Amino acid sequence: MNQVIGHYISGQHIRDSQHTGPVFNPSTRAEIARCAYADAATVARAVQAATSSNAKNWAKASHAARLQVIYKLRELMIARTDELAEIIGREHGKTILDAKGEIGRAIEGIEFACNAPHVTKGEYARNVAGDIDVFSIRVPVGVVGCITPFNFPIMIPAVMMAMAVSVGNAIVWKPSEKVPSAALFFAELWKEAGLPDDVFNIVQGDKVTVDAMLEHPDIAAISFVGSTQIGEYVYQKGTSHNKRVAAFTGGKNHMVVMPDADLEAAANAFVSAGFGSASQRCMAVSLLLPVGEETALKLRELVIEKTKTLSMGAYNDPTADFGAVISAQSKQTVLQAIDQCVADGAELILDGRAYQHPIHQNGYYIGPTLFDHVTTEMDFYKQEVFGPARGMMRVSSLDEAIDVTNRHEFGNGSVIFTRDGKTANRFFMEVESGMVGVNVPVPLPVSYFNFGGLRRSKFGESHLYGPDAARFYTKLKTISQKWPDAVEQDQAISLAFKIT
């Protein structure tokens, strides 16, 4: 019988659950564990821990004391990278090299959390009137609920929670039920780093678990990353329960290539940014938009040539460029999107539907698939395809490229390749995307800049990391303060609305 991967509450592993679901190794399709699904009572138990005196003492701790834990967590993440990469790869299917890259970005986010005292500093004004001083402070919101996706089992949680914890909050986290083990490993690192037990809690689960978190009155804020449909639901339901919610959702990221660009570099960039991690990234390049017919023909040949060299394999195969998609359902959804694009009239120039791994024939593999002549009327343009199927669109000008990009409902990331500064400047000023790359294929900002899309790629006004994240996890208080002389002179009462 497979082990049950359970919850983590008050520093203890909890495995009692009436409901469980399977956890697979996508590389082989083998069921490797069962994941416990939390009900409302289990969520309430986790929230009770997060509101305990132990957790409240963490909120009162000095910046110096909290940062010692963050520093230690960073060192442990570095030391345990190999173990963590193995756990991620086994349950997600991404290669070990890709998993280590994810861990590196997680460490970067933890490092930025060490800046919490700086980015949460308040303001002060002396003697605004009548010897009154006014100043502002930021204090923790209390309990933060984190709901994270399968595609980055450790990077997204780390950048969310390191800052939330650094500014003094307690955590109740629901990881994806498809990749539950990395969460428990992360919890053990927090414990070893010295974080008090009640501050960090994990509830594994599904929609029942999510709803219990959204409805619980003692969870003050919700940070979510996932699909647009679920993110909108989380935002609407969470805010209806008077929570602050930041939901980061889908993307359909366009890469525009101008005629003056280095086409060899652009082709390399499209293939790497498009197919990395089996295209299961919200910042992956989805559609290639060469400007002009000559650019399109040259780029098409380069992209075909480079895509054909890609190899698929198990997560621990050092020769694999990318691995399997996360589940049988995911594979079926991607295959249906490919079939629909064929039916809609796009030209299928590389077909990965029939790919089968020579050893792991039951794994959830799809070979790299490439379309040309995708149009804005096709579902392939409209919908996010979370798997290794990418497309080319034909545009005649920069104006048309910007129009095609802005016409889409998502605005996560957009990219342009060009040698002309004026063209680049016009693109990043006019394109409606939250993150823009100029000759950079994946414009994922470093952790000390804000991360977040526009339009339906984000619900709420915060950002996933960067200075805005620190503000999201804190609430602002403004204090007007006056210290009278030891002996007050009698003063007449005034009912006027003013500062004296």
Protein backbone atom coordinates (compact mmCIF):
# COMPACT_ATOMS: atom_id res chain seq x y z
CA MET A 1 0.00 0.00 0.00
CA ASN A 2 1.27 3.48 -0.88
CA GLN A 3 2.15 5.87 1.90
CA VAL A 4 -0.28 8.65 2.75
CA ILE A 5 1.16 12.15 2.41
CA GLY A 6 -0.59 14.17 5.06
CA HIS A 7 -0.86 17.61 6.59
CA TYR A 8 1.54 19.55 8.78
CA ILE A 9 0.05 21.40 11.74
CA SER A 10 1.82 22.81 14.80
CA GLY A 11 5.06 21.14 13.79
CA GLN A 12 3.47 17.68 13.54
CA HIS A 13 2.68 15.44 10.58
CA ILE A 14 -1.05 14.62 10.50
CA ARG A 15 -2.16 11.71 8.32
CA ASP A 16 -5.72 11.07 9.51
CA SER A 17 -8.10 11.84 6.65
CA GLN A 18 -11.32 10.33 5.37
CA HIS A 19 -10.53 11.33 1.81
CA THR A 20 -7.35 10.78 -0.21
CA GLY A 21 -6.28 11.06 -3.84
CA PRO A 22 -3.50 9.47 -5.88
CA VAL A 23 -0.06 10.97 -6.44
CA PHE A 24 1.68 9.83 -9.64
CA ASN A 25 5.16 9.89 -11.06
CA PRO A 26 4.35 11.49 -14.45
CA SER A 27 7.49 10.01 -16.00
CA THR A 28 6.24 6.44 -15.51
CA ARG A 29 2.53 6.83 -14.61
CA ALA A 30 3.17 4.81 -11.45
CA GLU A 31 1.07 5.72 -8.43
CA ILE A 32 3.66 6.48 -5.76
CA ALA A 33 1.54 7.73 -2.85
CA ARG A 34 -1.85 8.86 -1.65
CA CYS A 35 -2.46 12.46 -0.64
CA ALA A 36 -4.74 13.24 2.29
CA TYR A 37 -7.44 15.84 1.57
CA ALA A 38 -8.32 18.20 4.40
CA ASP A 39 -11.91 18.92 5.36
CA ALA A 40 -13.16 22.10 7.04
CA ALA A 41 -12.34 20.74 10.49
CA THR A 42 -8.71 20.12 9.55
CA VAL A 43 -8.45 23.61 8.06
CA ALA A 44 -9.91 25.04 11.26
CA ARG A 45 -7.29 23.13 13.25
CA ALA A 46 -4.51 24.65 11.14
CA VAL A 47 -5.95 28.15 11.51
CA GLN A 48 -6.23 27.65 15.27
CA ALA A 49 -2.52 26.89 15.34
CA ALA A 50 -1.78 29.95 13.20
CA THR A 51 -3.68 32.18 15.64
CA SER A 52 -2.10 30.70 18.77
CA SER A 53 0.00 32.66 21.26
CA ASN A 54 3.05 31.02 19.70
CA ALA A 55 2.21 32.50 16.31
CA LYS A 56 1.29 35.87 17.81
CA ASN A 57 4.67 35.99 19.54
CA TRP A 58 6.27 35.61 16.12
CA ALA A 59 4.41 38.71 14.97
CA LYS A 60 5.82 40.58 17.99
CA ALA A 61 9.39 39.34 17.46
CA SER A 62 12.07 41.78 16.40
CA HIS A 63 13.15 42.09 12.80
CA ALA A 64 16.54 40.76 13.82
CA ALA A 65 15.06 37.63 15.37
CA ARG A 66 12.86 36.90 12.38
CA LEU A 67 15.65 37.48 9.89
CA GLN A 68 17.88 34.95 11.63
CA VAL A 69 15.32 32.29 10.66
CA ILE A 70 15.16 33.53 7.07
CA TYR A 71 18.98 33.48 6.81
CA LYS A 72 19.07 29.92 8.14
CA LEU A 73 16.34 28.79 5.74
CA ARG A 74 18.42 30.08 2.84
CA GLU A 75 21.44 28.08 3.95
CA LEU A 76 19.37 24.92 4.36
CA MET A 77 17.82 25.32 0.90
CA ILE A 78 21.28 25.55 -0.63
CA ALA A 79 22.55 22.55 1.32
CA ARG A 80 19.52 20.37 0.52
CA THR A 81 19.05 21.31 -3.13
CA ASP A 82 19.77 17.83 -4.48
CA GLU A 83 17.21 16.16 -2.20
CA LEU A 84 14.56 18.74 -2.96
CA ALA A 85 15.16 18.56 -6.73
CA GLU A 86 14.64 14.80 -6.61
CA ILE A 87 11.31 15.22 -4.80
CA ILE A 88 10.13 17.87 -7.26
CA GLY A 89 11.15 15.88 -10.32
CA ARG A 90 9.56 12.65 -9.15
CA GLU A 91 6.12 14.18 -8.59
CA HIS A 92 6.14 16.91 -11.25
CA GLY A 93 8.05 15.27 -14.10
CA LYS A 94 10.39 18.20 -14.80
CA THR A 95 14.06 17.39 -15.23
CA ILE A 96 16.45 17.55 -12.29
CA LEU A 97 18.27 20.44 -13.97
CA ASP A 98 15.00 22.35 -14.33
CA ALA A 99 14.05 21.57 -10.73
CA LYS A 100 17.39 22.94 -9.53
CA GLY A 101 16.77 26.10 -11.53
CA GLU A 102 13.41 26.47 -9.79
CA ILE A 103 15.10 26.05 -6.40
CA GLY A 104 17.62 28.73 -7.35
CA ARG A 105 14.79 31.20 -7.99
CA ALA A 106 13.19 30.16 -4.69
CA ILE A 107 16.43 30.97 -2.88
CA GLU A 108 16.48 34.37 -4.60
CA GLY A 109 13.00 35.05 -3.24
CA ILE A 110 14.09 34.04 0.25
CA GLU A 111 17.05 36.40 -0.03
CA PHE A 112 14.75 39.29 -0.91
CA ALA A 113 12.64 38.51 2.16
CA CYS A 114 15.67 39.53 4.20
CA ASN A 115 14.89 43.07 3.00
CA ALA A 116 11.54 43.09 4.80
CA PRO A 117 12.62 45.71 7.37
CA HIS A 118 13.54 48.08 4.56
CA VAL A 119 10.52 47.62 2.29
CA THR A 120 8.05 47.88 5.20
CA LYS A 121 9.48 51.05 6.69
CA GLY A 122 6.88 53.69 7.51
CA GLU A 123 6.91 57.48 7.19
CA TYR A 124 7.33 60.22 9.78
CA ALA A 125 6.46 63.89 9.87
CA ARG A 126 7.49 66.09 12.80
CA ASN A 127 5.19 68.80 14.13
CA VAL A 128 2.58 68.82 11.37
CA ALA A 129 0.68 71.34 13.54
CA GLY A 130 0.32 72.11 17.21
CA ASP A 131 3.36 70.00 18.16
CA ILE A 132 1.69 66.86 16.73
CA ASP A 133 3.88 64.22 15.09
CA VAL A 134 2.36 61.87 12.49
CA PHE A 135 3.90 58.55 11.51
CA SER A 136 2.88 55.33 9.79
CA ILE A 137 3.80 51.74 10.57
CA ARG A 138 3.20 48.42 8.88
CA VAL A 139 2.10 45.44 10.95
CA PRO A 140 1.37 41.81 9.95
CA VAL A 141 -2.11 41.05 8.63
CA GLY A 142 -2.23 37.90 10.81
CA VAL A 143 -2.90 34.60 9.04
CA VAL A 144 -2.12 34.28 5.32
CA GLY A 145 -3.69 31.50 3.27
CA CYS A 146 -1.47 30.36 0.39
CA ILE A 147 -2.84 28.28 -2.51
CA THR A 148 -0.15 27.21 -4.96
CA PRO A 149 0.00 25.33 -8.30
CA PHE A 150 1.69 22.12 -9.39
CA ASN A 151 4.09 23.65 -11.90
CA PHE A 152 6.42 25.27 -9.36
CA PRO A 153 6.14 23.17 -6.20
CA ILE A 154 8.77 25.19 -4.32
CA MET A 155 9.57 28.46 -6.12
CA ILE A 156 6.13 30.04 -5.88
CA PRO A 157 5.55 28.93 -2.26
CA ALA A 158 9.00 30.16 -1.24
CA VAL A 159 8.62 33.64 -2.71
CA MET A 160 5.12 33.95 -1.24
CA MET A 161 5.82 32.64 2.22
CA ALA A 162 9.33 33.85 2.91
CA MET A 163 8.10 37.45 2.74
CA ALA A 164 4.83 36.72 4.53
CA VAL A 165 6.72 35.07 7.39
CA SER A 166 9.50 37.64 7.39
CA VAL A 167 7.05 40.46 8.13
CA GLY A 168 5.49 38.48 10.98
CA ASN A 169 2.53 36.51 9.62
CA ALA A 170 1.55 32.89 10.15
CA ILE A 171 0.81 30.58 7.21
CA VAL A 172 -1.87 28.07 6.25
CA TRP A 173 -0.78 26.58 2.92
CA LYS A 174 -2.62 24.36 0.48
CA PRO A 175 -0.15 23.03 -2.11
CA SER A 176 -1.30 21.28 -5.27
CA GLU A 177 -2.51 17.79 -4.47
CA LYS A 178 -0.49 16.59 -7.48
CA VAL A 179 2.86 17.56 -5.88
CA PRO A 180 2.39 17.35 -2.09
CA SER A 181 5.78 16.07 -0.91
CA ALA A 182 7.91 19.16 -1.56
CA ALA A 183 5.63 21.08 0.80
CA LEU A 184 6.38 18.76 3.72
CA PHE A 185 10.10 18.92 2.96
CA PHE A 186 9.88 22.71 2.98
CA ALA A 187 8.07 22.61 6.33
CA GLU A 188 10.91 20.58 7.83
CA LEU A 189 13.43 23.14 6.58
CA TRP A 190 11.46 25.93 8.26
CA LYS A 191 11.42 23.96 11.50
CA GLU A 192 15.15 23.29 11.33
CA ALA A 193 15.71 27.00 10.64
CA GLY A 194 14.06 27.81 13.96
CA LEU A 195 10.56 28.92 12.96
CA PRO A 196 8.07 28.36 15.82
CA ASP A 197 5.84 25.37 15.10
CA ASP A 198 2.48 27.14 14.85
CA VAL A 199 3.66 29.73 12.35
CA PHE A 200 3.84 27.36 9.36
CA ASN A 201 0.99 24.91 8.62
CA ILE A 202 0.06 22.78 5.62
CA VAL A 203 -3.34 21.41 4.66
CA GLN A 204 -3.31 19.15 1.62
CA GLY A 205 -6.50 18.94 -0.37
CA ASP A 206 -8.86 19.93 -3.12
CA LYS A 207 -11.75 22.37 -3.61
CA VAL A 208 -13.26 21.46 -0.24
CA THR A 209 -10.01 22.57 1.40
CA VAL A 210 -9.85 25.77 -0.65
CA ASP A 211 -13.44 26.71 0.20
CA ALA A 212 -12.80 26.16 3.89
CA MET A 213 -9.83 28.53 3.69
CA LEU A 214 -11.80 31.16 1.77
CA GLU A 215 -14.62 31.05 4.30
CA HIS A 216 -12.63 30.93 7.52
CA PRO A 217 -12.96 34.30 9.29
CA ASP A 218 -9.48 34.19 10.85
CA ILE A 219 -7.61 33.99 7.52
CA ALA A 220 -6.97 37.63 6.65
CA ALA A 221 -5.35 37.32 3.23
CA ILE A 222 -5.21 34.82 0.37
CA SER A 223 -2.33 34.54 -2.10
CA PHE A 224 -3.14 32.32 -5.09
CA VAL A 225 -1.39 31.14 -8.23
CA GLY A 226 -3.18 28.93 -10.74
CA SER A 227 -5.63 28.91 -13.63
CA THR A 228 -7.73 31.93 -14.51
CA GLN A 229 -11.04 30.15 -13.92
CA ILE A 230 -10.09 29.08 -10.39
CA GLY A 231 -8.24 32.32 -9.65
CA GLU A 232 -11.30 34.40 -10.45
CA TYR A 233 -13.39 32.14 -8.21
CA VAL A 234 -10.87 32.48 -5.38
CA TYR A 235 -10.79 36.26 -5.79
CA GLN A 236 -14.55 36.70 -5.84
CA LYS A 237 -15.27 34.32 -2.97
CA GLY A 238 -12.33 35.47 -0.87
CA THR A 239 -13.18 39.16 -1.18
CA SER A 240 -16.83 38.40 -0.44
CA HIS A 241 -15.59 37.11 2.92
CA ASN A 242 -13.73 40.40 3.48
CA LYS A 243 -10.27 39.05 2.76
CA ARG A 244 -7.58 40.75 0.76
CA VAL A 245 -6.85 38.50 -2.21
CA ALA A 246 -4.07 38.46 -4.77
CA ALA A 247 -4.67 35.89 -7.53
CA PHE A 248 -2.10 35.35 -10.28
CA THR A 249 -3.58 33.44 -13.18
CA GLY A 250 -3.17 32.43 -16.82
CA GLY A 251 -0.95 33.66 -19.60
CA LYS A 252 -0.74 33.50 -23.38
CA ASN A 253 2.61 35.11 -23.99
CA HIS A 254 3.52 36.44 -27.42
CA MET A 255 7.02 36.80 -28.82
CA VAL A 256 7.35 39.39 -31.59
CA VAL A 257 10.39 39.16 -33.87
CA MET A 258 11.27 42.17 -36.02
CA PRO A 259 13.08 41.83 -39.38
CA ASP A 260 16.24 43.41 -37.92
CA ALA A 261 16.51 40.89 -35.07
CA ASP A 262 19.20 38.25 -34.67
CA LEU A 263 17.04 35.41 -35.99
CA GLU A 264 19.35 32.66 -34.74
CA ALA A 265 19.13 34.04 -31.20
CA ALA A 266 15.38 34.55 -31.55
CA ALA A 267 14.85 30.95 -32.66
CA ASN A 268 16.91 29.63 -29.75
CA ALA A 269 14.94 31.83 -27.39
CA PHE A 270 11.56 30.71 -28.71
CA VAL A 271 12.37 27.02 -28.46
CA SER A 272 13.86 27.23 -24.98
CA ALA A 273 11.19 29.56 -23.60
CA GLY A 274 8.39 27.74 -25.37
CA PHE A 275 9.13 24.11 -24.55
CA GLY A 276 11.00 24.24 -21.23
CA SER A 277 9.33 22.21 -18.46
CA ALA A 278 7.02 20.71 -21.12
CA SER A 279 5.59 24.23 -21.56
CA GLN A 280 3.95 24.07 -18.12
CA ARG A 281 4.86 27.63 -17.17
CA CYS A 282 2.61 30.67 -17.06
CA MET A 283 5.53 32.70 -18.46
CA ALA A 284 6.27 30.30 -21.33
CA VAL A 285 6.24 31.79 -24.83
CA SER A 286 3.07 30.49 -26.48
CA LEU A 287 2.93 32.20 -29.86
CA LEU A 288 5.67 33.41 -32.19
CA LEU A 289 4.86 36.53 -34.24
CA PRO A 290 7.47 37.19 -36.95
CA VAL A 291 6.92 40.56 -38.61
CA GLY A 292 6.87 40.24 -42.40
CA GLU A 293 6.79 37.22 -44.67
CA GLU A 294 10.57 36.99 -45.15
CA THR A 295 11.14 37.00 -41.39
CA ALA A 296 8.48 34.34 -40.94
CA LEU A 297 9.96 31.99 -43.55
CA LYS A 298 13.50 32.27 -42.19
CA LEU A 299 12.41 31.91 -38.59
CA ARG A 300 10.15 28.99 -39.35
CA GLU A 301 13.02 26.93 -40.75
CA LEU A 302 15.28 27.76 -37.82
CA VAL A 303 12.61 26.91 -35.26
CA ILE A 304 11.75 23.60 -36.94
CA GLU A 305 15.40 22.62 -37.07
CA LYS A 306 16.00 23.44 -33.40
CA THR A 307 12.76 21.93 -32.12
CA LYS A 308 13.52 18.64 -33.82
CA THR A 309 16.65 18.28 -31.67
CA LEU A 310 14.69 18.29 -28.40
CA SER A 311 14.55 15.06 -26.44
CA MET A 312 11.94 13.89 -23.93
CA GLY A 313 12.64 11.69 -20.97
CA ALA A 314 12.13 10.82 -17.34
CA TYR A 315 12.81 13.50 -14.75
CA ASN A 316 16.10 11.86 -13.78
CA ASP A 317 17.34 11.33 -17.34
CA PRO A 318 20.30 13.75 -17.74
CA THR A 319 19.92 13.71 -21.53
CA ALA A 320 16.28 14.87 -21.53
CA ASP A 321 15.44 18.45 -22.46
CA PHE A 322 12.00 18.18 -20.91
CA GLY A 323 9.81 15.56 -19.31
CA ALA A 324 6.22 14.45 -19.11
CA VAL A 325 3.21 16.65 -18.45
CA ILE A 326 1.73 16.41 -14.98
CA SER A 327 -1.21 14.02 -15.44
CA ALA A 328 -3.31 11.90 -17.78
CA GLN A 329 -5.98 14.61 -17.77
CA SER A 330 -3.42 17.27 -18.67
CA LYS A 331 -2.12 15.15 -21.54
CA GLN A 332 -5.63 14.61 -22.85
CA THR A 333 -6.41 18.35 -22.65
CA VAL A 334 -3.29 19.23 -24.64
CA LEU A 335 -4.01 16.57 -27.26
CA GLN A 336 -7.54 17.91 -27.66
CA ALA A 337 -6.17 21.43 -28.15
CA ILE A 338 -3.85 20.13 -30.89
CA ASP A 339 -6.70 18.26 -32.60
CA GLN A 340 -8.88 21.36 -32.47
CA CYS A 341 -6.16 23.54 -33.96
CA VAL A 342 -5.79 21.08 -36.84
CA ALA A 343 -9.57 21.15 -37.36
CA ASP A 344 -9.55 24.96 -37.31
CA GLY A 345 -7.14 25.01 -40.26
CA ALA A 346 -3.72 25.82 -38.82
CA GLU A 347 -0.75 24.15 -40.48
CA LEU A 348 0.68 21.37 -38.29
CA ILE A 349 4.41 21.40 -39.07
CA LEU A 350 5.62 19.25 -36.15
CA ASP A 351 3.33 16.64 -34.60
CA GLY A 352 4.20 15.22 -31.18
CA ARG A 353 0.91 13.48 -30.46
CA ALA A 354 2.15 9.98 -31.21
CA TYR A 355 5.36 10.23 -29.18
CA GLN A 356 5.95 7.31 -26.84
CA HIS A 357 8.95 6.99 -24.58
CA PRO A 358 10.96 3.86 -25.47
CA ILE A 359 11.18 2.74 -21.83
CA HIS A 360 8.42 4.53 -19.92
CA GLN A 361 5.65 3.89 -22.40
CA ASN A 362 2.90 4.74 -19.91
CA GLY A 363 4.36 8.13 -18.98
CA TYR A 364 2.47 11.30 -19.77
CA TYR A 365 4.67 12.36 -22.66
CA ILE A 366 3.83 14.60 -25.61
CA GLY A 367 6.43 15.39 -28.22
CA PRO A 368 7.11 19.01 -29.21
CA THR A 369 4.31 20.18 -31.48
CA LEU A 370 4.41 23.27 -33.68
CA PHE A 371 1.77 25.04 -35.75
CA ASP A 372 2.03 27.78 -38.35
CA HIS A 373 -0.65 30.16 -39.62
CA VAL A 374 -2.53 30.32 -36.31
CA THR A 375 -5.14 33.09 -36.38
CA THR A 376 -6.96 35.11 -33.73
CA GLU A 377 -10.21 33.25 -34.51
CA MET A 378 -8.75 29.91 -33.40
CA ASP A 379 -9.07 28.43 -29.91
CA PHE A 380 -5.32 27.83 -29.99
CA TYR A 381 -4.85 31.61 -29.89
CA LYS A 382 -7.56 32.22 -27.33
CA GLN A 383 -6.79 29.51 -24.78
CA GLU A 384 -3.72 28.81 -22.69
CA VAL A 385 -2.28 25.43 -23.74
CA PHE A 386 -0.36 24.03 -20.76
CA GLY A 387 1.75 21.57 -22.69
CA PRO A 388 4.38 21.36 -25.45
CA ALA A 389 2.30 22.72 -28.33
CA ARG A 390 3.33 26.14 -29.66
CA GLY A 391 2.26 28.21 -32.63
CA MET A 392 3.35 30.81 -35.19
CA MET A 393 1.18 33.67 -36.37
CA ARG A 394 1.80 35.83 -39.43
CA VAL A 395 1.77 39.62 -38.92
CA SER A 396 2.80 42.31 -41.39
CA SER A 397 3.83 45.13 -39.05
CA LEU A 398 4.65 46.11 -35.49
CA ASP A 399 1.20 47.72 -35.28
CA GLU A 400 -0.45 44.42 -36.08
CA ALA A 401 1.80 42.52 -33.66
CA ILE A 402 0.86 44.87 -30.81
CA ASP A 403 -2.82 44.64 -31.76
CA VAL A 404 -2.76 40.82 -31.76
CA THR A 405 -1.02 40.80 -28.40
CA ASN A 406 -3.36 43.32 -26.80
CA ARG A 407 -6.47 41.70 -28.22
CA HIS A 408 -5.93 38.67 -26.01
CA GLU A 409 -7.67 38.54 -22.61
CA PHE A 410 -4.41 37.67 -20.84
CA GLY A 411 -1.58 40.08 -20.19
CA ASN A 412 1.07 38.15 -18.31
CA GLY A 413 4.21 38.50 -20.41
CA SER A 414 5.17 39.73 -23.88
CA VAL A 415 8.51 39.74 -25.66
CA ILE A 416 10.09 41.52 -28.61
CA PHE A 417 13.34 40.71 -30.40
CA THR A 418 14.85 43.67 -32.25
CA ARG A 419 18.06 45.66 -32.61
CA ASP A 420 16.22 49.00 -32.71
CA GLY A 421 15.78 50.88 -29.44
CA LYS A 422 12.92 53.04 -30.66
CA THR A 423 10.96 49.98 -31.73
CA ALA A 424 11.59 48.31 -28.39
CA ASN A 425 10.54 51.43 -26.50
CA ARG A 426 7.32 51.69 -28.44
CA PHE A 427 6.56 48.02 -27.84
CA PHE A 428 6.99 48.05 -24.07
CA MET A 429 5.04 51.29 -23.75
CA GLU A 430 2.07 50.15 -25.85
CA VAL A 431 1.78 46.45 -25.09
CA GLU A 432 -0.70 45.61 -22.31
CA SER A 433 1.35 43.06 -20.39
CA GLY A 434 2.61 43.21 -16.84
CA MET A 435 6.05 41.84 -17.69
CA VAL A 436 7.82 42.67 -20.95
CA GLY A 437 11.04 41.31 -22.40
CA VAL A 438 13.32 43.04 -24.90
CA ASN A 439 15.57 40.34 -26.38
CA VAL A 440 14.79 38.40 -23.18
CA PRO A 441 12.56 35.38 -23.86
CA VAL A 442 11.19 34.87 -20.34
CA PRO A 443 10.74 38.29 -18.71
CA LEU A 444 10.46 36.85 -15.21
CA PRO A 445 11.79 39.68 -13.05
CA VAL A 446 14.30 39.21 -10.26
CA SER A 447 12.73 38.99 -6.82
CA TYR A 448 13.28 42.61 -5.85
CA PHE A 449 11.03 43.79 -8.70
CA ASN A 450 7.29 43.26 -8.69
CA PHE A 451 5.86 40.20 -10.48
CA GLY A 452 2.34 40.30 -11.90
CA GLY A 453 0.36 40.42 -15.11
CA LEU A 454 -2.39 42.70 -16.39
CA ARG A 455 -5.95 42.16 -17.52
CA ARG A 456 -7.19 38.62 -16.68
CA SER A 457 -3.72 37.41 -15.77
CA LYS A 458 -4.14 38.92 -12.31
CA PHE A 459 -7.00 39.62 -9.92
CA GLY A 460 -6.30 42.13 -7.18
CA GLU A 461 -3.81 44.95 -6.97
CA SER A 462 -0.82 43.25 -5.37
CA HIS A 463 2.15 41.40 -6.86
CA LEU A 464 3.53 37.93 -6.22
CA TYR A 465 6.90 39.19 -5.07
CA GLY A 466 8.87 42.40 -4.89
CA PRO A 467 8.09 45.41 -2.67
CA ASP A 468 4.35 45.20 -3.34
CA ALA A 469 4.23 41.70 -1.86
CA ALA A 470 5.58 43.01 1.44
CA ARG A 471 2.83 45.63 1.44
CA PHE A 472 0.19 42.98 0.68
CA TYR A 473 1.22 40.96 3.73
CA THR A 474 1.08 43.99 6.04
CA LYS A 475 -1.56 46.51 7.01
CA LEU A 476 -0.90 50.19 7.46
CA LYS A 477 -1.53 52.15 10.63
CA THR A 478 -1.12 55.92 10.81
CA ILE A 479 -0.56 57.49 14.23
CA SER A 480 -0.99 61.14 15.22
CA GLN A 481 0.88 61.74 18.46
CA LYS A 482 1.25 64.64 20.81
CA TRP A 483 3.05 64.79 24.15
CA PRO A 484 1.77 67.67 26.31
CA ASP A 485 3.82 69.61 28.80
CA ALA A 486 3.82 68.32 32.35
CA VAL A 487 1.33 71.00 33.37
CA GLU A 488 -1.36 71.80 30.82
CA GLN A 489 -2.72 75.32 30.76
CA ASP A 490 -6.49 75.61 30.76
CA GLN A 491 -7.73 75.80 27.22
CA ALA A 492 -11.13 76.64 25.83
CA ILE A 493 -13.08 73.83 24.25
CA SER A 494 -13.32 74.08 20.46
CA LEU A 495 -15.54 71.93 18.27
CA ALA A 496 -13.91 73.09 15.04
CA PHE A 497 -12.59 70.36 12.74
CA LYS A 498 -8.92 71.25 12.62
CA ILE A 499 -5.47 70.46 13.92
CA THR A 500 -4.32 72.96 16.54
